């Protein structure tokens, strides 16, 4: 049987990918950027993406998988 940690990683990655796809589908159907409901819906989608990203990072950390952020890389180049 697959380790529970690996299952958690897979689920967190899938949830994050789905959150991003949902935002992409939102933009695919977007026609009126002046509609106030657009901003509300987009804000909700961004929050879902953020939560899913945090859950994915938590799952990676719990599995002992850590990669330095690109933002933390050496910028002497």
PDB file of N, CA and C in Angstrom:
ATOM      1  N   UNK A   1       0.842  -1.188   0.000  1.00  0.00           N
ATOM      2  CA  UNK A   1       0.000   0.000   0.000  1.00  0.00           C
ATOM      3  C   UNK A   1       0.883   1.245   0.000  1.00  0.00           C
ATOM      4  N   UNK A   2       0.421   2.275  -0.645  1.00  0.00           N
ATOM      5  CA  UNK A   2       1.167   3.521  -0.732  1.00  0.00           C
ATOM      6  C   UNK A   2       1.165   4.220   0.620  1.00  0.00           C
ATOM      7  N   UNK A   3       2.306   4.748   0.976  1.00  0.00           N
ATOM      8  CA  UNK A   3       2.486   5.466   2.231  1.00  0.00           C
ATOM      9  C   UNK A   3       1.482   6.618   2.344  1.00  0.00           C
ATOM     10  N   UNK A   4       0.944   6.846   3.555  1.00  0.00           N
ATOM     11  CA  UNK A   4      -0.034   7.923   3.766  1.00  0.00           C
ATOM     12  C   UNK A   4       0.549   9.288   3.443  1.00  0.00           C
ATOM     13  N   UNK A   5       1.841   9.463   3.662  1.00  0.00           N
ATOM     14  CA  UNK A   5       2.488  10.737   3.356  1.00  0.00           C
ATOM     15  C   UNK A   5       2.455  11.005   1.859  1.00  0.00           C
ATOM     16  N   UNK A   6       2.722   9.972   1.076  1.00  0.00           N
ATOM     17  CA  UNK A   6       2.695  10.119  -0.383  1.00  0.00           C
ATOM     18  C   UNK A   6       1.268  10.391  -0.859  1.00  0.00           C
ATOM     19  N   UNK A   7       0.301   9.723  -0.266  1.00  0.00           N
ATOM     20  CA  UNK A   7      -1.094   9.985  -0.625  1.00  0.00           C
ATOM     21  C   UNK A   7      -1.471  11.431  -0.309  1.00  0.00           C
ATOM     22  N   UNK A   8      -1.018  11.923   0.839  1.00  0.00           N
ATOM     23  CA  UNK A   8      -1.303  13.312   1.211  1.00  0.00           C
ATOM     24  C   UNK A   8      -0.658  14.279   0.225  1.00  0.00           C
ATOM     25  N   UNK A   9       0.566  13.967  -0.210  1.00  0.00           N
ATOM     26  CA  UNK A   9       1.241  14.803  -1.204  1.00  0.00           C
ATOM     27  C   UNK A   9       0.458  14.830  -2.514  1.00  0.00           C
ATOM     28  N   UNK A  10       0.024  13.680  -2.952  1.00  0.00           N
ATOM     29  CA  UNK A  10      -0.732  13.585  -4.205  1.00  0.00           C
ATOM     30  C   UNK A  10      -2.036  14.372  -4.118  1.00  0.00           C
ATOM     31  N   UNK A  11      -2.736  14.208  -3.008  1.00  0.00           N
ATOM     32  CA  UNK A  11      -4.011  14.904  -2.826  1.00  0.00           C
ATOM     33  C   UNK A  11      -3.814  16.414  -2.775  1.00  0.00           C
ATOM     34  N   UNK A  12      -2.788  16.856  -2.070  1.00  0.00           N
ATOM     35  CA  UNK A  12      -2.523  18.295  -1.961  1.00  0.00           C
ATOM     36  C   UNK A  12      -2.125  18.871  -3.317  1.00  0.00           C
ATOM     37  N   UNK A  13      -1.316  18.132  -4.060  1.00  0.00           N
ATOM     38  CA  UNK A  13      -0.909  18.601  -5.392  1.00  0.00           C
ATOM     39  C   UNK A  13      -2.110  18.651  -6.336  1.00  0.00           C
ATOM     40  N   UNK A  14      -2.963  17.642  -6.260  1.00  0.00           N
ATOM     41  CA  UNK A  14      -4.154  17.612  -7.114  1.00  0.00           C
ATOM     42  C   UNK A  14      -5.105  18.758  -6.764  1.00  0.00           C
ATOM     43  N   UNK A  15      -5.261  19.040  -5.489  1.00  0.00           N
ATOM     44  CA  UNK A  15      -6.140  20.132  -5.060  1.00  0.00           C
ATOM     45  C   UNK A  15      -5.595  21.477  -5.538  1.00  0.00           C
ATOM     46  N   UNK A  16      -4.290  21.646  -5.459  1.00  0.00           N
ATOM     47  CA  UNK A  16      -3.679  22.888  -5.930  1.00  0.00           C
ATOM     48  C   UNK A  16      -3.857  23.028  -7.441  1.00  0.00           C
ATOM     49  N   UNK A  17      -3.599  21.954  -8.161  1.00  0.00           N
ATOM     50  CA  UNK A  17      -3.751  21.997  -9.619  1.00  0.00           C
ATOM     51  C   UNK A  17      -5.192  22.313 -10.002  1.00  0.00           C
ATOM     52  N   UNK A  18      -6.142  21.745  -9.288  1.00  0.00           N
ATOM     53  CA  UNK A  18      -7.550  22.021  -9.588  1.00  0.00           C
ATOM     54  C   UNK A  18      -7.902  23.473  -9.286  1.00  0.00           C
ATOM     55  N   UNK A  19      -7.355  24.025  -8.222  1.00  0.00           N
ATOM     56  CA  UNK A  19      -7.611  25.438  -7.902  1.00  0.00           C
ATOM     57  C   UNK A  19      -7.093  26.338  -9.019  1.00  0.00           C
ATOM     58  N   UNK A  20      -5.922  26.023  -9.538  1.00  0.00           N
ATOM     59  CA  UNK A  20      -5.355  26.814 -10.627  1.00  0.00           C
ATOM     60  C   UNK A  20      -6.190  26.642 -11.897  1.00  0.00           C
ATOM     61  N   UNK A  21      -6.614  25.411 -12.184  1.00  0.00           N
ATOM     62  CA  UNK A  21      -7.454  25.177 -13.366  1.00  0.00           C
ATOM     63  C   UNK A  21      -8.792  25.918 -13.252  1.00  0.00           C
ATOM     64  N   UNK A  22      -9.337  25.977 -12.052  1.00  0.00           N
ATOM     65  CA  UNK A  22     -10.596  26.692 -11.846  1.00  0.00           C
ATOM     66  C   UNK A  22     -10.422  28.175 -12.164  1.00  0.00           C
ATOM     67  N   UNK A  23      -9.310  28.752 -11.742  1.00  0.00           N
ATOM     68  CA  UNK A  23      -9.033  30.151 -12.059  1.00  0.00           C
ATOM     69  C   UNK A  23      -8.859  30.331 -13.558  1.00  0.00           C
ATOM     70  N   UNK A  24      -8.179  29.405 -14.191  1.00  0.00           N
ATOM     71  CA  UNK A  24      -7.984  29.482 -15.638  1.00  0.00           C
ATOM     72  C   UNK A  24      -9.319  29.424 -16.367  1.00  0.00           C
ATOM     73  N   UNK A  25     -10.223  28.552 -15.924  1.00  0.00           N
ATOM     74  CA  UNK A  25     -11.549  28.455 -16.546  1.00  0.00           C
ATOM     75  C   UNK A  25     -12.342  29.741 -16.327  1.00  0.00           C
ATOM     76  N   UNK A  26     -12.152  30.379 -15.178  1.00  0.00           N
ATOM     77  CA  UNK A  26     -12.785  31.668 -14.901  1.00  0.00           C
ATOM     78  C   UNK A  26     -12.374  32.683 -15.970  1.00  0.00           C
ATOM     79  N   UNK A  27     -11.083  32.736 -16.258  1.00  0.00           N
ATOM     80  CA  UNK A  27     -10.620  33.683 -17.275  1.00  0.00           C
ATOM     81  C   UNK A  27     -11.084  33.291 -18.679  1.00  0.00           C
ATOM     82  N   UNK A  28     -11.234  32.001 -18.931  1.00  0.00           N
ATOM     83  CA  UNK A  28     -11.729  31.560 -20.237  1.00  0.00           C
ATOM     84  C   UNK A  28     -13.133  32.076 -20.511  1.00  0.00           C
ATOM     85  N   UNK A  29     -13.952  32.175 -19.476  1.00  0.00           N
ATOM     86  CA  UNK A  29     -15.336  32.599 -19.678  1.00  0.00           C
ATOM     87  C   UNK A  29     -15.554  34.083 -19.374  1.00  0.00           C
ATOM     88  N   UNK A  30     -14.525  34.777 -18.929  1.00  0.00           N
ATOM     89  CA  UNK A  30     -14.644  36.184 -18.564  1.00  0.00           C
ATOM     90  C   UNK A  30     -14.919  37.046 -19.788  1.00  0.00           C
ATOM     91  N   UNK A  31     -15.964  37.863 -19.694  1.00  0.00           N
ATOM     92  CA  UNK A  31     -16.305  38.754 -20.793  1.00  0.00           C
ATOM     93  C   UNK A  31     -16.421  40.204 -20.363  1.00  0.00           C
ATOM     94  N   UNK A  32     -16.796  40.446 -19.125  1.00  0.00           N
ATOM     95  CA  UNK A  32     -17.045  41.812 -18.672  1.00  0.00           C
ATOM     96  C   UNK A  32     -16.248  42.097 -17.407  1.00  0.00           C
ATOM     97  N   UNK A  33     -15.147  42.788 -17.558  1.00  0.00           N
ATOM     98  CA  UNK A  33     -14.311  43.093 -16.393  1.00  0.00           C
ATOM     99  C   UNK A  33     -14.854  44.241 -15.565  1.00  0.00           C
ATOM    100  N   UNK A  34     -15.889  44.896 -16.039  1.00  0.00           N
ATOM    101  CA  UNK A  34     -16.473  46.005 -15.271  1.00  0.00           C
ATOM    102  C   UNK A  34     -17.551  45.531 -14.294  1.00  0.00           C
ATOM    103  N   UNK A  35     -17.973  44.301 -14.415  1.00  0.00           N
ATOM    104  CA  UNK A  35     -18.980  43.736 -13.520  1.00  0.00           C
ATOM    105  C   UNK A  35     -18.357  43.550 -12.133  1.00  0.00           C
ATOM    106  N   UNK A  36     -18.921  44.164 -11.092  1.00  0.00           N
ATOM    107  CA  UNK A  36     -18.344  44.051  -9.744  1.00  0.00           C
ATOM    108  C   UNK A  36     -18.245  42.608  -9.234  1.00  0.00           C
ATOM    109  N   UNK A  37     -19.123  41.750  -9.700  1.00  0.00           N
ATOM    110  CA  UNK A  37     -19.076  40.357  -9.245  1.00  0.00           C
ATOM    111  C   UNK A  37     -17.806  39.649  -9.730  1.00  0.00           C
ATOM    112  N   UNK A  38     -17.203  40.151 -10.803  1.00  0.00           N
ATOM    113  CA  UNK A  38     -15.965  39.569 -11.328  1.00  0.00           C
ATOM    114  C   UNK A  38     -14.859  39.675 -10.284  1.00  0.00           C
ATOM    115  N   UNK A  39     -14.734  40.841  -9.689  1.00  0.00           N
ATOM    116  CA  UNK A  39     -13.694  41.046  -8.678  1.00  0.00           C
ATOM    117  C   UNK A  39     -13.922  40.153  -7.466  1.00  0.00           C
ATOM    118  N   UNK A  40     -15.167  40.020  -7.046  1.00  0.00           N
ATOM    119  CA  UNK A  40     -15.491  39.167  -5.901  1.00  0.00           C
ATOM    120  C   UNK A  40     -15.149  37.710  -6.206  1.00  0.00           C
ATOM    121  N   UNK A  41     -15.563  37.251  -7.376  1.00  0.00           N
ATOM    122  CA  UNK A  41     -15.279  35.862  -7.745  1.00  0.00           C
ATOM    123  C   UNK A  41     -13.776  35.624  -7.857  1.00  0.00           C
ATOM    124  N   UNK A  42     -13.068  36.559  -8.471  1.00  0.00           N
ATOM    125  CA  UNK A  42     -11.628  36.400  -8.619  1.00  0.00           C
ATOM    126  C   UNK A  42     -10.945  36.384  -7.248  1.00  0.00           C
ATOM    127  N   UNK A  43     -11.366  37.246  -6.342  1.00  0.00           N
ATOM    128  CA  UNK A  43     -10.792  37.270  -4.998  1.00  0.00           C
ATOM    129  C   UNK A  43     -10.981  35.919  -4.304  1.00  0.00           C
ATOM    130  N   UNK A  44     -12.145  35.321  -4.479  1.00  0.00           N
ATOM    131  CA  UNK A  44     -12.396  34.001  -3.896  1.00  0.00           C
ATOM    132  C   UNK A  44     -11.498  32.940  -4.518  1.00  0.00           C
ATOM    133  N   UNK A  45     -11.320  33.006  -5.818  1.00  0.00           N
ATOM    134  CA  UNK A  45     -10.463  32.036  -6.498  1.00  0.00           C
ATOM    135  C   UNK A  45      -9.011  32.169  -6.052  1.00  0.00           C
ATOM    136  N   UNK A  46      -8.550  33.403  -5.901  1.00  0.00           N
ATOM    137  CA  UNK A  46      -7.173  33.636  -5.442  1.00  0.00           C
ATOM    138  C   UNK A  46      -6.984  33.076  -4.032  1.00  0.00           C
ATOM    139  N   UNK A  47      -7.978  33.261  -3.197  1.00  0.00           N
ATOM    140  CA  UNK A  47      -7.891  32.738  -1.823  1.00  0.00           C
ATOM    141  C   UNK A  47      -7.836  31.213  -1.826  1.00  0.00           C
ATOM    142  N   UNK A  48      -8.638  30.592  -2.677  1.00  0.00           N
ATOM    143  CA  UNK A  48      -8.597  29.116  -2.779  1.00  0.00           C
ATOM    144  C   UNK A  48      -7.240  28.632  -3.265  1.00  0.00           C
ATOM    145  N   UNK A  49      -6.680  29.329  -4.252  1.00  0.00           N
ATOM    146  CA  UNK A  49      -5.341  28.967  -4.734  1.00  0.00           C
ATOM    147  C   UNK A  49      -4.313  29.090  -3.612  1.00  0.00           C
ATOM    148  N   UNK A  50      -4.397  30.182  -2.870  1.00  0.00           N
ATOM    149  CA  UNK A  50      -3.456  30.417  -1.778  1.00  0.00           C
ATOM    150  C   UNK A  50      -3.567  29.315  -0.723  1.00  0.00           C
ATOM    151  N   UNK A  51      -4.774  28.973  -0.334  1.00  0.00           N
ATOM    152  CA  UNK A  51      -4.978  27.912   0.652  1.00  0.00           C
ATOM    153  C   UNK A  51      -4.465  26.573   0.144  1.00  0.00           C
ATOM    154  N   UNK A  52      -4.731  26.278  -1.121  1.00  0.00           N
ATOM    155  CA  UNK A  52      -4.270  25.016  -1.706  1.00  0.00           C
ATOM    156  C   UNK A  52      -2.749  24.975  -1.793  1.00  0.00           C
ATOM    157  N   UNK A  53      -2.131  26.107  -2.122  1.00  0.00           N
ATOM    158  CA  UNK A  53      -0.668  26.169  -2.183  1.00  0.00           C
ATOM    159  C   UNK A  53      -0.064  25.952  -0.801  1.00  0.00           C
ATOM    160  N   UNK A  54      -0.667  26.559   0.206  1.00  0.00           N
ATOM    161  CA  UNK A  54      -0.169  26.385   1.571  1.00  0.00           C
ATOM    162  C   UNK A  54      -0.309  24.934   2.018  1.00  0.00           C
ATOM    163  N   UNK A  55      -1.427  24.297   1.686  1.00  0.00           N
ATOM    164  CA  UNK A  55      -1.627  22.890   2.038  1.00  0.00           C
ATOM    165  C   UNK A  55      -0.606  22.004   1.332  1.00  0.00           C
ATOM    166  N   UNK A  56      -0.315  22.332   0.086  1.00  0.00           N
ATOM    167  CA  UNK A  56       0.678  21.564  -0.668  1.00  0.00           C
ATOM    168  C   UNK A  56       2.053  21.709  -0.028  1.00  0.00           C
ATOM    169  N   UNK A  57       2.421  22.932   0.345  1.00  0.00           N
ATOM    170  CA  UNK A  57       3.712  23.156   0.994  1.00  0.00           C
ATOM    171  C   UNK A  57       3.775  22.461   2.346  1.00  0.00           C
ATOM    172  N   UNK A  58       2.678  22.476   3.080  1.00  0.00           N
ATOM    173  CA  UNK A  58       2.630  21.768   4.367  1.00  0.00           C
ATOM    174  C   UNK A  58       2.837  20.271   4.169  1.00  0.00           C
ATOM    175  N   UNK A  59       2.207  19.710   3.136  1.00  0.00           N
ATOM    176  CA  UNK A  59       2.365  18.279   2.852  1.00  0.00           C
ATOM    177  C   UNK A  59       3.801  17.951   2.462  1.00  0.00           C
ATOM    178  N   UNK A  60       4.409  18.821   1.678  1.00  0.00           N
ATOM    179  CA  UNK A  60       5.805  18.621   1.300  1.00  0.00           C
ATOM    180  C   UNK A  60       6.715  18.672   2.526  1.00  0.00           C
ATOM    181  N   UNK A  61       6.473  19.638   3.390  1.00  0.00           N
ATOM    182  CA  UNK A  61       7.278  19.767   4.600  1.00  0.00           C
ATOM    183  C   UNK A  61       7.099  18.546   5.499  1.00  0.00           C
ATOM    184  N   UNK A  62       5.866  18.073   5.642  1.00  0.00           N
ATOM    185  CA  UNK A  62       5.598  16.895   6.465  1.00  0.00           C
ATOM    186  C   UNK A  62       6.310  15.667   5.911  1.00  0.00           C
ATOM    187  N   UNK A  63       6.503  15.636   4.599  1.00  0.00           N
ATOM    188  CA  UNK A  63       7.193  14.510   3.964  1.00  0.00           C
ATOM    189  C   UNK A  63       8.705  14.671   3.985  1.00  0.00           C
ATOM    190  N   UNK A  64       9.163  15.831   4.469  1.00  0.00           N
ATOM    191  CA  UNK A  64      10.604  16.070   4.517  1.00  0.00           C
ATOM    192  C   UNK A  64      11.178  16.524   3.196  1.00  0.00           C
ATOM    193  N   UNK A  65      10.323  17.004   2.318  1.00  0.00           N
ATOM    194  CA  UNK A  65      10.769  17.484   1.009  1.00  0.00           C
ATOM    195  C   UNK A  65      10.787  18.993   1.057  1.00  0.00           C
ATOM    196  N   UNK A  66      11.973  19.553   1.036  1.00  0.00           N
ATOM    197  CA  UNK A  66      12.103  20.996   1.077  1.00  0.00           C
ATOM    198  C   UNK A  66      13.051  21.450  -0.014  1.00  0.00           C
ATOM    199  N   UNK A  67      12.620  22.432  -0.764  1.00  0.00           N
ATOM    200  CA  UNK A  67      13.438  23.012  -1.818  1.00  0.00           C
ATOM    201  C   UNK A  67      13.488  24.508  -1.559  1.00  0.00           C
ATOM    202  N   UNK A  68      14.684  25.088  -1.577  1.00  0.00           N
ATOM    203  CA  UNK A  68      14.752  26.536  -1.351  1.00  0.00           C
ATOM    204  C   UNK A  68      13.911  27.279  -2.377  1.00  0.00           C
ATOM    205  N   UNK A  69      13.297  28.333  -1.933  1.00  0.00           N
ATOM    206  CA  UNK A  69      12.484  29.161  -2.820  1.00  0.00           C
ATOM    207  C   UNK A  69      13.373  29.836  -3.852  1.00  0.00           C
ATOM    208  N   UNK A  70      12.820  30.072  -5.006  1.00  0.00           N
ATOM    209  CA  UNK A  70      13.544  30.804  -6.039  1.00  0.00           C
ATOM    210  C   UNK A  70      13.907  32.190  -5.513  1.00  0.00           C
ATOM    211  N   UNK A  71      13.005  32.770  -4.721  1.00  0.00           N
ATOM    212  CA  UNK A  71      13.241  34.088  -4.151  1.00  0.00           C
ATOM    213  C   UNK A  71      14.440  34.115  -3.222  1.00  0.00           C
ATOM    214  N   UNK A  72      14.791  32.972  -2.671  1.00  0.00           N
ATOM    215  CA  UNK A  72      15.914  32.900  -1.745  1.00  0.00           C
ATOM    216  C   UNK A  72      17.224  32.513  -2.440  1.00  0.00           C
ATOM    217  N   UNK A  73      17.170  32.301  -3.750  1.00  0.00           N
ATOM    218  CA  UNK A  73      18.369  31.871  -4.471  1.00  0.00           C
ATOM    219  C   UNK A  73      19.400  33.011  -4.521  1.00  0.00           C
ATOM    220  N   UNK A  74      20.623  32.616  -4.755  1.00  0.00           N
ATOM    221  CA  UNK A  74      21.714  33.586  -4.838  1.00  0.00           C
ATOM    222  C   UNK A  74      21.505  34.479  -6.057  1.00  0.00           C
ATOM    223  N   UNK A  75      21.454  35.778  -5.839  1.00  0.00           N
ATOM    224  CA  UNK A  75      21.179  36.712  -6.942  1.00  0.00           C
ATOM    225  C   UNK A  75      22.447  37.407  -7.422  1.00  0.00           C
ATOM    226  N   UNK A  76      23.610  36.801  -7.229  1.00  0.00           N
ATOM    227  CA  UNK A  76      24.877  37.385  -7.671  1.00  0.00           C
ATOM    228  C   UNK A  76      25.096  37.219  -9.172  1.00  0.00           C
ATOM    229  N   UNK A  77      24.217  36.484  -9.859  1.00  0.00           N
ATOM    230  CA  UNK A  77      24.408  36.231 -11.294  1.00  0.00           C
ATOM    231  C   UNK A  77      24.099  37.411 -12.123  1.00  0.00           C
TER     232      UNK A  77
END
